[in-house]
Amino acid sequence: MEPDGVVGAELDTDAEVMGAVEDGQTERFVLADVTRDDAYLRLPLTEAASLPAWR
């Protein structure tokens, strides 16, 4: 019997993903695929991982 594997995600080579910090009462980190409508993630900046944490 073979173990359950993880199915690889299909990659869209035309995607363009950008990150930004949104100013306001609470600063938020925004990660968005600008090639698609409503494809973004927003979270408080204090909860976003720092660059060294991603390495």
PDB file of N, CA and C in Angstrom:
ATOM      1  N   MET A   1       0.846  -1.174   0.000  1.00  0.00           N
ATOM      2  CA  MET A   1       0.000   0.000   0.000  1.00  0.00           C
ATOM      3  C   MET A   1       0.892   1.238   0.000  1.00  0.00           C
ATOM      4  N   GLU A   2       0.575   2.195  -0.846  1.00  0.00           N
ATOM      5  CA  GLU A   2       1.323   3.445  -0.913  1.00  0.00           C
ATOM      6  C   GLU A   2       0.751   4.459   0.069  1.00  0.00           C
ATOM      7  N   PRO A   3       1.623   5.264   0.696  1.00  0.00           N
ATOM      8  CA  PRO A   3       1.110   6.300   1.605  1.00  0.00           C
ATOM      9  C   PRO A   3       0.387   7.385   0.831  1.00  0.00           C
ATOM     10  N   ASP A   4      -0.540   8.038   1.526  1.00  0.00           N
ATOM     11  CA  ASP A   4      -1.244   9.172   0.919  1.00  0.00           C
ATOM     12  C   ASP A   4      -0.240  10.262   0.619  1.00  0.00           C
ATOM     13  N   GLY A   5      -0.281  10.793  -0.575  1.00  0.00           N
ATOM     14  CA  GLY A   5       0.624  11.872  -0.965  1.00  0.00           C
ATOM     15  C   GLY A   5      -0.105  13.183  -1.055  1.00  0.00           C
ATOM     16  N   VAL A   6       0.646  14.220  -1.090  1.00  0.00           N
ATOM     17  CA  VAL A   6       0.079  15.549  -1.258  1.00  0.00           C
ATOM     18  C   VAL A   6       0.069  15.847  -2.747  1.00  0.00           C
ATOM     19  N   VAL A   7      -1.076  16.246  -3.239  1.00  0.00           N
ATOM     20  CA  VAL A   7      -1.203  16.597  -4.646  1.00  0.00           C
ATOM     21  C   VAL A   7      -0.605  17.975  -4.845  1.00  0.00           C
ATOM     22  N   GLY A   8       0.280  18.095  -5.813  1.00  0.00           N
ATOM     23  CA  GLY A   8       0.908  19.393  -6.084  1.00  0.00           C
ATOM     24  C   GLY A   8      -0.084  20.386  -6.647  1.00  0.00           C
ATOM     25  N   ALA A   9       0.087  21.616  -6.289  1.00  0.00           N
ATOM     26  CA  ALA A   9      -0.788  22.673  -6.799  1.00  0.00           C
ATOM     27  C   ALA A   9      -0.342  23.064  -8.203  1.00  0.00           C
ATOM     28  N   GLU A  10      -1.303  23.417  -9.024  1.00  0.00           N
ATOM     29  CA  GLU A  10      -0.970  23.912 -10.349  1.00  0.00           C
ATOM     30  C   GLU A  10      -0.479  25.349 -10.211  1.00  0.00           C
ATOM     31  N   LEU A  11       0.597  25.661 -10.875  1.00  0.00           N
ATOM     32  CA  LEU A  11       1.148  27.007 -10.808  1.00  0.00           C
ATOM     33  C   LEU A  11       0.703  27.809 -12.009  1.00  0.00           C
ATOM     34  N   ASP A  12       0.278  29.010 -11.752  1.00  0.00           N
ATOM     35  CA  ASP A  12      -0.117  29.930 -12.813  1.00  0.00           C
ATOM     36  C   ASP A  12       1.071  30.844 -13.079  1.00  0.00           C
ATOM     37  N   THR A  13       1.745  30.617 -14.187  1.00  0.00           N
ATOM     38  CA  THR A  13       2.950  31.394 -14.475  1.00  0.00           C
ATOM     39  C   THR A  13       2.638  32.842 -14.850  1.00  0.00           C
ATOM     40  N   ASP A  14       1.378  33.170 -15.054  1.00  0.00           N
ATOM     41  CA  ASP A  14       0.993  34.542 -15.386  1.00  0.00           C
ATOM     42  C   ASP A  14       0.633  35.349 -14.142  1.00  0.00           C
ATOM     43  N   ALA A  15       0.683  34.723 -12.969  1.00  0.00           N
ATOM     44  CA  ALA A  15       0.319  35.418 -11.731  1.00  0.00           C
ATOM     45  C   ALA A  15       1.370  36.470 -11.383  1.00  0.00           C
ATOM     46  N   GLU A  16       0.910  37.543 -10.775  1.00  0.00           N
ATOM     47  CA  GLU A  16       1.806  38.588 -10.302  1.00  0.00           C
ATOM     48  C   GLU A  16       1.385  38.914  -8.864  1.00  0.00           C
ATOM     49  N   VAL A  17       2.222  38.498  -7.929  1.00  0.00           N
ATOM     50  CA  VAL A  17       1.899  38.648  -6.511  1.00  0.00           C
ATOM     51  C   VAL A  17       2.730  39.778  -5.924  1.00  0.00           C
ATOM     52  N   MET A  18       2.071  40.623  -5.136  1.00  0.00           N
ATOM     53  CA  MET A  18       2.742  41.771  -4.525  1.00  0.00           C
ATOM     54  C   MET A  18       2.347  41.860  -3.059  1.00  0.00           C
ATOM     55  N   GLY A  19       3.232  42.436  -2.262  1.00  0.00           N
ATOM     56  CA  GLY A  19       2.944  42.674  -0.853  1.00  0.00           C
ATOM     57  C   GLY A  19       3.085  44.157  -0.558  1.00  0.00           C
ATOM     58  N   ALA A  20       2.305  44.633   0.403  1.00  0.00           N
ATOM     59  CA  ALA A  20       2.355  46.045   0.777  1.00  0.00           C
ATOM     60  C   ALA A  20       1.866  46.196   2.208  1.00  0.00           C
ATOM     61  N   VAL A  21       2.198  47.333   2.810  1.00  0.00           N
ATOM     62  CA  VAL A  21       1.691  47.681   4.134  1.00  0.00           C
ATOM     63  C   VAL A  21       0.640  48.769   3.945  1.00  0.00           C
ATOM     64  N   GLU A  22      -0.541  48.519   4.479  1.00  0.00           N
ATOM     65  CA  GLU A  22      -1.677  49.431   4.377  1.00  0.00           C
ATOM     66  C   GLU A  22      -1.737  50.277   5.648  1.00  0.00           C
ATOM     67  N   ASP A  23      -1.638  51.583   5.498  1.00  0.00           N
ATOM     68  CA  ASP A  23      -1.726  52.494   6.637  1.00  0.00           C
ATOM     69  C   ASP A  23      -3.167  52.652   7.075  1.00  0.00           C
ATOM     70  N   GLY A  24      -3.357  52.981   8.318  1.00  0.00           N
ATOM     71  CA  GLY A  24      -4.684  53.216   8.866  1.00  0.00           C
ATOM     72  C   GLY A  24      -4.607  53.174  10.370  1.00  0.00           C
ATOM     73  N   GLN A  25      -5.755  53.059  11.015  1.00  0.00           N
ATOM     74  CA  GLN A  25      -5.774  52.967  12.467  1.00  0.00           C
ATOM     75  C   GLN A  25      -4.938  51.771  12.923  1.00  0.00           C
ATOM     76  N   THR A  26      -5.037  50.656  12.184  1.00  0.00           N
ATOM     77  CA  THR A  26      -4.203  49.475  12.403  1.00  0.00           C
ATOM     78  C   THR A  26      -3.459  49.205  11.104  1.00  0.00           C
ATOM     79  N   GLU A  27      -2.119  49.204  11.147  1.00  0.00           N
ATOM     80  CA  GLU A  27      -1.363  48.889   9.932  1.00  0.00           C
ATOM     81  C   GLU A  27      -1.583  47.420   9.590  1.00  0.00           C
ATOM     82  N   ARG A  28      -1.776  47.136   8.313  1.00  0.00           N
ATOM     83  CA  ARG A  28      -2.027  45.767   7.867  1.00  0.00           C
ATOM     84  C   ARG A  28      -1.070  45.416   6.737  1.00  0.00           C
ATOM     85  N   PHE A  29      -0.651  44.145   6.704  1.00  0.00           N
ATOM     86  CA  PHE A  29       0.138  43.617   5.602  1.00  0.00           C
ATOM     87  C   PHE A  29      -0.838  43.036   4.599  1.00  0.00           C
ATOM     88  N   VAL A  30      -0.682  43.384   3.333  1.00  0.00           N
ATOM     89  CA  VAL A  30      -1.565  42.901   2.272  1.00  0.00           C
ATOM     90  C   VAL A  30      -0.729  42.116   1.270  1.00  0.00           C
ATOM     91  N   LEU A  31      -1.144  40.905   0.965  1.00  0.00           N
ATOM     92  CA  LEU A  31      -0.517  40.065  -0.044  1.00  0.00           C
ATOM     93  C   LEU A  31      -1.579  39.803  -1.093  1.00  0.00           C
ATOM     94  N   ALA A  32      -1.309  40.168  -2.354  1.00  0.00           N
ATOM     95  CA  ALA A  32      -2.347  40.093  -3.377  1.00  0.00           C
ATOM     96  C   ALA A  32      -1.806  39.587  -4.701  1.00  0.00           C
ATOM     97  N   ASP A  33      -2.642  38.812  -5.398  1.00  0.00           N
ATOM     98  CA  ASP A  33      -2.383  38.429  -6.783  1.00  0.00           C
ATOM     99  C   ASP A  33      -3.109  39.474  -7.624  1.00  0.00           C
ATOM    100  N   VAL A  34      -2.360  40.389  -8.211  1.00  0.00           N
ATOM    101  CA  VAL A  34      -2.976  41.505  -8.932  1.00  0.00           C
ATOM    102  C   VAL A  34      -3.554  41.104 -10.284  1.00  0.00           C
ATOM    103  N   THR A  35      -3.380  39.849 -10.683  1.00  0.00           N
ATOM    104  CA  THR A  35      -3.953  39.397 -11.954  1.00  0.00           C
ATOM    105  C   THR A  35      -5.335  38.797 -11.773  1.00  0.00           C
ATOM    106  N   ARG A  36      -5.819  38.727 -10.533  1.00  0.00           N
ATOM    107  CA  ARG A  36      -7.135  38.139 -10.262  1.00  0.00           C
ATOM    108  C   ARG A  36      -7.942  39.074  -9.356  1.00  0.00           C
ATOM    109  N   ASP A  37      -9.238  39.077  -9.552  1.00  0.00           N
ATOM    110  CA  ASP A  37     -10.131  39.859  -8.697  1.00  0.00           C
ATOM    111  C   ASP A  37     -10.283  39.155  -7.351  1.00  0.00           C
ATOM    112  N   ASP A  38     -10.294  39.922  -6.284  1.00  0.00           N
ATOM    113  CA  ASP A  38     -10.536  39.425  -4.928  1.00  0.00           C
ATOM    114  C   ASP A  38      -9.578  38.316  -4.489  1.00  0.00           C
ATOM    115  N   ALA A  39      -8.340  38.325  -4.965  1.00  0.00           N
ATOM    116  CA  ALA A  39      -7.332  37.340  -4.561  1.00  0.00           C
ATOM    117  C   ALA A  39      -6.298  38.053  -3.700  1.00  0.00           C
ATOM    118  N   TYR A  40      -6.643  38.238  -2.422  1.00  0.00           N
ATOM    119  CA  TYR A  40      -5.726  38.938  -1.527  1.00  0.00           C
ATOM    120  C   TYR A  40      -5.910  38.432  -0.104  1.00  0.00           C
ATOM    121  N   LEU A  41      -4.915  38.719   0.715  1.00  0.00           N
ATOM    122  CA  LEU A  41      -4.919  38.357   2.125  1.00  0.00           C
ATOM    123  C   LEU A  41      -4.481  39.573   2.907  1.00  0.00           C
ATOM    124  N   ARG A  42      -5.235  39.947   3.938  1.00  0.00           N
ATOM    125  CA  ARG A  42      -4.878  41.086   4.800  1.00  0.00           C
ATOM    126  C   ARG A  42      -4.801  40.605   6.231  1.00  0.00           C
ATOM    127  N   LEU A  43      -3.758  41.026   6.952  1.00  0.00           N
ATOM    128  CA  LEU A  43      -3.652  40.709   8.359  1.00  0.00           C
ATOM    129  C   LEU A  43      -2.914  41.824   9.068  1.00  0.00           C
ATOM    130  N   PRO A  44      -3.151  41.978  10.372  1.00  0.00           N
ATOM    131  CA  PRO A  44      -2.444  43.026  11.103  1.00  0.00           C
ATOM    132  C   PRO A  44      -0.932  42.860  10.944  1.00  0.00           C
ATOM    133  N   LEU A  45      -0.252  43.966  10.759  1.00  0.00           N
ATOM    134  CA  LEU A  45       1.195  43.940  10.533  1.00  0.00           C
ATOM    135  C   LEU A  45       1.921  43.240  11.677  1.00  0.00           C
ATOM    136  N   THR A  46       1.407  43.371  12.885  1.00  0.00           N
ATOM    137  CA  THR A  46       2.052  42.720  14.034  1.00  0.00           C
ATOM    138  C   THR A  46       1.993  41.201  13.955  1.00  0.00           C
ATOM    139  N   GLU A  47       1.082  40.639  13.148  1.00  0.00           N
ATOM    140  CA  GLU A  47       0.960  39.193  12.991  1.00  0.00           C
ATOM    141  C   GLU A  47       1.698  38.668  11.766  1.00  0.00           C
ATOM    142  N   ALA A  48       2.199  39.548  10.927  1.00  0.00           N
ATOM    143  CA  ALA A  48       2.905  39.120   9.715  1.00  0.00           C
ATOM    144  C   ALA A  48       4.318  38.677  10.085  1.00  0.00           C
ATOM    145  N   ALA A  49       4.793  37.636   9.409  1.00  0.00           N
ATOM    146  CA  ALA A  49       6.158  37.144   9.661  1.00  0.00           C
ATOM    147  C   ALA A  49       7.172  38.122   9.099  1.00  0.00           C
ATOM    148  N   SER A  50       8.274  38.282   9.804  1.00  0.00           N
ATOM    149  CA  SER A  50       9.343  39.146   9.312  1.00  0.00           C
ATOM    150  C   SER A  50      10.113  38.412   8.224  1.00  0.00           C
ATOM    151  N   LEU A  51      10.884  39.131   7.440  1.00  0.00           N
ATOM    152  CA  LEU A  51      11.675  38.490   6.389  1.00  0.00           C
ATOM    153  C   LEU A  51      12.631  37.433   6.934  1.00  0.00           C
ATOM    154  N   PRO A  52      13.356  37.680   8.022  1.00  0.00           N
ATOM    155  CA  PRO A  52      14.226  36.632   8.563  1.00  0.00           C
ATOM    156  C   PRO A  52      13.451  35.373   8.981  1.00  0.00           C
ATOM    157  N   ALA A  53      12.215  35.530   9.439  1.00  0.00           N
ATOM    158  CA  ALA A  53      11.413  34.374   9.837  1.00  0.00           C
ATOM    159  C   ALA A  53      11.028  33.512   8.634  1.00  0.00           C
ATOM    160  N   TRP A  54      10.926  34.096   7.447  1.00  0.00           N
ATOM    161  CA  TRP A  54      10.580  33.359   6.231  1.00  0.00           C
ATOM    162  C   TRP A  54      11.757  32.568   5.676  1.00  0.00           C
ATOM    163  N   ARG A  55      12.971  32.926   6.074  1.00  0.00           N
ATOM    164  CA  ARG A  55      14.151  32.242   5.539  1.00  0.00           C
ATOM    165  C   ARG A  55      14.345  30.903   6.145  1.00  0.00           C
TER     166      ARG A  55
END
